Amino acid sequence: MATVEESQTYGELYLLSLAVIRVWRVAMERVEVPSPKIDEVLEFRSSLTGETDRGCALTAAAYLSDELEKLLGELVRH
């Protein structure tokens, strides 16, 4: 179980990650570059909120594994 200090740190990191995502979205809109994955990533990120640290790590690892598999599949096809 996380200590109070660790929980505060996790909370700060969460808020920072949300701020970074907001800045990224604004930047992408300004340069008019489509980013279809951003909504998927935001939805995935919000799904981690209620998870334990272990749950976050396992879920994130599975997500990254799936995304890497898709990327490698695209590279092989081209």
C-alpha atoms as a PDB file:
ATOM      1  CA  MET A   1       0.000   0.000   0.000  1.00  0.00           C
ATOM      2  CA  ALA A   2       1.251   3.481  -0.863  1.00  0.00           C
ATOM      3  CA  THR A   3       2.153   5.940   1.860  1.00  0.00           C
ATOM      4  CA  VAL A   4       0.491   9.354   2.043  1.00  0.00           C
ATOM      5  CA  GLU A   5       3.564  10.938   0.442  1.00  0.00           C
ATOM      6  CA  GLU A   6       3.539   8.370  -2.387  1.00  0.00           C
ATOM      7  CA  SER A   7      -0.178   8.882  -2.920  1.00  0.00           C
ATOM      8  CA  GLN A   8       0.344  12.627  -3.180  1.00  0.00           C
ATOM      9  CA  THR A   9       3.124  12.013  -5.681  1.00  0.00           C
ATOM     10  CA  TYR A  10       0.882   9.714  -7.741  1.00  0.00           C
ATOM     11  CA  GLY A  11      -1.857  12.340  -7.637  1.00  0.00           C
ATOM     12  CA  GLU A  12       0.554  15.019  -8.796  1.00  0.00           C
ATOM     13  CA  LEU A  13       1.792  12.785 -11.608  1.00  0.00           C
ATOM     14  CA  TYR A  14      -1.786  12.083 -12.653  1.00  0.00           C
ATOM     15  CA  LEU A  15      -2.607  15.792 -12.795  1.00  0.00           C
ATOM     16  CA  LEU A  16       0.609  16.461 -14.687  1.00  0.00           C
ATOM     17  CA  SER A  17      -0.201  13.734 -17.219  1.00  0.00           C
ATOM     18  CA  LEU A  18      -3.641  15.275 -17.795  1.00  0.00           C
ATOM     19  CA  ALA A  19      -2.051  18.682 -18.346  1.00  0.00           C
ATOM     20  CA  VAL A  20       0.438  17.241 -20.827  1.00  0.00           C
ATOM     21  CA  ILE A  21      -2.371  15.542 -22.742  1.00  0.00           C
ATOM     22  CA  ARG A  22      -4.345  18.808 -22.879  1.00  0.00           C
ATOM     23  CA  VAL A  23      -1.308  20.692 -24.197  1.00  0.00           C
ATOM     24  CA  TRP A  24      -0.707  17.925 -26.758  1.00  0.00           C
ATOM     25  CA  ARG A  25      -4.305  18.141 -27.978  1.00  0.00           C
ATOM     26  CA  VAL A  26      -4.125  21.927 -28.379  1.00  0.00           C
ATOM     27  CA  ALA A  27      -0.809  21.661 -30.220  1.00  0.00           C
ATOM     28  CA  MET A  28      -2.178  18.993 -32.550  1.00  0.00           C
ATOM     29  CA  GLU A  29      -5.235  21.130 -33.320  1.00  0.00           C
ATOM     30  CA  ARG A  30      -3.143  24.211 -34.041  1.00  0.00           C
ATOM     31  CA  VAL A  31      -0.895  22.459 -36.531  1.00  0.00           C
ATOM     32  CA  GLU A  32      -3.904  20.599 -37.939  1.00  0.00           C
ATOM     33  CA  VAL A  33      -2.314  17.200 -37.661  1.00  0.00           C
ATOM     34  CA  PRO A  34      -4.931  14.492 -37.178  1.00  0.00           C
ATOM     35  CA  SER A  35      -4.299  12.323 -34.188  1.00  0.00           C
ATOM     36  CA  PRO A  36      -6.899   9.561 -34.150  1.00  0.00           C
ATOM     37  CA  LYS A  37      -5.119   7.703 -31.358  1.00  0.00           C
ATOM     38  CA  ILE A  38      -5.315  10.557 -28.839  1.00  0.00           C
ATOM     39  CA  ASP A  39      -8.917   9.803 -27.868  1.00  0.00           C
ATOM     40  CA  GLU A  40      -8.090   6.114 -27.517  1.00  0.00           C
ATOM     41  CA  VAL A  41      -5.078   6.928 -25.343  1.00  0.00           C
ATOM     42  CA  LEU A  42      -7.124   9.341 -23.215  1.00  0.00           C
ATOM     43  CA  GLU A  43      -9.801   6.711 -22.707  1.00  0.00           C
ATOM     44  CA  PHE A  44      -7.160   4.128 -21.807  1.00  0.00           C
ATOM     45  CA  ARG A  45      -5.480   6.546 -19.385  1.00  0.00           C
ATOM     46  CA  SER A  46      -8.746   7.311 -17.624  1.00  0.00           C
ATOM     47  CA  SER A  47      -9.433   3.578 -17.264  1.00  0.00           C
ATOM     48  CA  LEU A  48      -6.316   3.298 -15.081  1.00  0.00           C
ATOM     49  CA  THR A  49      -7.558   5.757 -12.462  1.00  0.00           C
ATOM     50  CA  GLY A  50      -9.190   3.171 -10.205  1.00  0.00           C
ATOM     51  CA  GLU A  51      -6.462   0.561 -10.600  1.00  0.00           C
ATOM     52  CA  THR A  52      -3.845  -0.418  -8.067  1.00  0.00           C
ATOM     53  CA  ASP A  53      -0.191   0.152  -8.955  1.00  0.00           C
ATOM     54  CA  ARG A  54       0.092  -3.488  -9.965  1.00  0.00           C
ATOM     55  CA  GLY A  55      -3.105  -3.278 -11.979  1.00  0.00           C
ATOM     56  CA  CYS A  56      -1.844  -0.180 -13.780  1.00  0.00           C
ATOM     57  CA  ALA A  57       1.442  -1.882 -14.617  1.00  0.00           C
ATOM     58  CA  LEU A  58      -0.249  -5.033 -15.934  1.00  0.00           C
ATOM     59  CA  THR A  59      -2.870  -3.115 -17.912  1.00  0.00           C
ATOM     60  CA  ALA A  60      -0.312  -0.728 -19.390  1.00  0.00           C
ATOM     61  CA  ALA A  61       1.980  -3.620 -20.333  1.00  0.00           C
ATOM     62  CA  ALA A  62      -0.882  -5.411 -22.103  1.00  0.00           C
ATOM     63  CA  TYR A  63      -1.874  -2.216 -23.928  1.00  0.00           C
ATOM     64  CA  LEU A  64       1.695  -1.543 -25.052  1.00  0.00           C
ATOM     65  CA  SER A  65       2.076  -5.142 -26.161  1.00  0.00           C
ATOM     66  CA  ASP A  66      -1.062  -4.886 -28.304  1.00  0.00           C
ATOM     67  CA  GLU A  67       0.034  -1.582 -29.806  1.00  0.00           C
ATOM     68  CA  LEU A  68       3.508  -2.922 -30.572  1.00  0.00           C
ATOM     69  CA  GLU A  69       1.975  -5.971 -32.242  1.00  0.00           C
ATOM     70  CA  LYS A  70      -0.181  -3.704 -34.440  1.00  0.00           C
ATOM     71  CA  LEU A  71       2.792  -1.503 -35.326  1.00  0.00           C
ATOM     72  CA  LEU A  72       5.020  -4.438 -36.226  1.00  0.00           C
ATOM     73  CA  GLY A  73       2.210  -5.957 -38.270  1.00  0.00           C
ATOM     74  CA  GLU A  74       1.915  -2.718 -40.263  1.00  0.00           C
ATOM     75  CA  LEU A  75       5.675  -2.597 -40.838  1.00  0.00           C
ATOM     76  CA  VAL A  76       5.756  -6.201 -42.091  1.00  0.00           C
ATOM     77  CA  ARG A  77       2.880  -5.584 -44.513  1.00  0.00           C
ATOM     78  CA  HIS A  78       4.609  -2.578 -46.078  1.00  0.00           C
END
